[in-house]
Amino acid sequence: MACPGGCVNGGGQPIVPSNFKNFHDVRAIRAAGLYGEDANMPLRKSHENPEVQKLYKEYLGEPCSHKAHELLHTTYVNRGLYK
């Protein structure tokens, strides 16, 4: 998590005006919104998702299989400084 507060406070989020940001914890507000949405979802865990189960059954095989690892995992590659 390179961004302070992780993705909930990352560079992809809308810019918040300083007159709001100085008096409110934007990260906590965003996190509360995300947790609130998640709590109300009928399907909250990926391994219980019927579509994910179907994908493993029909294509990936078992979790942690070679194919699943090859397609779903990534590695860090140092790209150097962007100029």
Protein backbone atom coordinates (compact mmCIF):
# COMPACT_ATOMS: atom_id res chain seq x y z
CA MET A 1 0.00 0.00 0.00
CA ALA A 2 1.98 2.92 -1.27
CA CYS A 3 -0.78 5.50 -0.68
CA PRO A 4 -1.35 6.80 2.86
CA GLY A 5 -4.46 4.93 3.96
CA GLY A 6 -4.27 2.56 1.00
CA CYS A 7 -6.51 2.75 -2.04
CA VAL A 8 -9.30 4.44 -0.09
CA ASN A 9 -7.06 7.51 0.04
CA GLY A 10 -5.11 6.91 -3.15
CA GLY A 11 -4.38 8.97 -6.22
CA GLY A 12 -7.45 7.70 -8.07
CA GLN A 13 -9.84 9.31 -5.61
CA PRO A 14 -11.50 12.68 -6.29
CA ILE A 15 -9.56 15.67 -5.06
CA VAL A 16 -11.09 17.08 -1.91
CA PRO A 17 -10.96 20.84 -1.37
CA SER A 18 -8.71 21.89 1.50
CA ASN A 19 -11.53 23.79 3.23
CA PHE A 20 -13.22 20.39 3.72
CA LYS A 21 -10.12 18.24 4.15
CA ASN A 22 -8.76 20.47 6.94
CA PHE A 23 -11.79 19.83 9.13
CA HIS A 24 -12.84 16.28 8.21
CA ASP A 25 -11.06 12.93 8.09
CA VAL A 26 -11.76 12.10 4.44
CA ARG A 27 -10.09 8.71 4.71
CA ALA A 28 -12.37 7.69 7.59
CA ILE A 29 -15.47 8.95 5.75
CA ARG A 30 -14.57 6.98 2.61
CA ALA A 31 -13.72 3.86 4.61
CA ALA A 32 -17.04 4.05 6.49
CA GLY A 33 -18.88 4.31 3.17
CA LEU A 34 -17.07 1.28 1.77
CA TYR A 35 -17.61 -0.82 4.89
CA GLY A 36 -21.27 0.22 4.96
CA GLU A 37 -21.79 -0.82 1.34
CA ASP A 38 -19.96 -4.11 1.95
CA ALA A 39 -22.05 -4.95 5.02
CA ASN A 40 -25.24 -4.69 2.96
CA MET A 41 -24.08 -6.88 0.09
CA PRO A 42 -25.62 -10.36 -0.13
CA LEU A 43 -22.34 -11.80 -1.47
CA ARG A 44 -19.31 -10.57 0.46
CA LYS A 45 -16.67 -13.27 0.08
CA SER A 46 -15.15 -14.09 -3.29
CA HIS A 47 -14.81 -17.81 -2.58
CA GLU A 48 -18.60 -17.99 -2.03
CA ASN A 49 -19.38 -16.27 -5.35
CA PRO A 50 -21.04 -18.75 -7.74
CA GLU A 51 -19.25 -17.17 -10.72
CA VAL A 52 -15.85 -17.58 -9.08
CA GLN A 53 -16.69 -21.17 -8.13
CA LYS A 54 -17.71 -21.86 -11.74
CA LEU A 55 -14.48 -20.32 -13.04
CA TYR A 56 -12.40 -22.60 -10.82
CA LYS A 57 -14.50 -25.67 -11.63
CA GLU A 58 -14.47 -25.16 -15.40
CA TYR A 59 -11.12 -23.49 -16.04
CA LEU A 60 -8.67 -22.86 -13.21
CA GLY A 61 -9.01 -26.14 -11.34
CA GLU A 62 -8.17 -25.97 -7.64
CA PRO A 63 -7.26 -22.80 -5.78
CA CYS A 64 -3.47 -22.35 -5.85
CA SER A 65 -3.22 -24.56 -8.93
CA HIS A 66 -0.46 -23.78 -11.40
CA LYS A 67 -2.92 -22.23 -13.87
CA ALA A 68 -4.60 -20.13 -11.16
CA HIS A 69 -1.23 -18.92 -9.92
CA GLU A 70 -0.03 -18.15 -13.44
CA LEU A 71 -3.13 -16.12 -14.33
CA LEU A 72 -4.10 -14.49 -11.03
CA HIS A 73 -0.78 -13.60 -9.39
CA THR A 74 1.62 -10.84 -10.25
CA THR A 75 5.14 -9.87 -9.30
CA TYR A 76 6.80 -6.57 -8.66
CA VAL A 77 9.00 -5.24 -11.42
CA ASN A 78 11.11 -2.18 -10.75
CA ARG A 79 10.46 0.17 -13.65
CA GLY A 80 12.81 2.90 -12.51
CA LEU A 81 11.97 6.57 -12.42
CA TYR A 82 9.41 7.96 -14.82
CA LYS A 83 10.84 10.87 -16.77
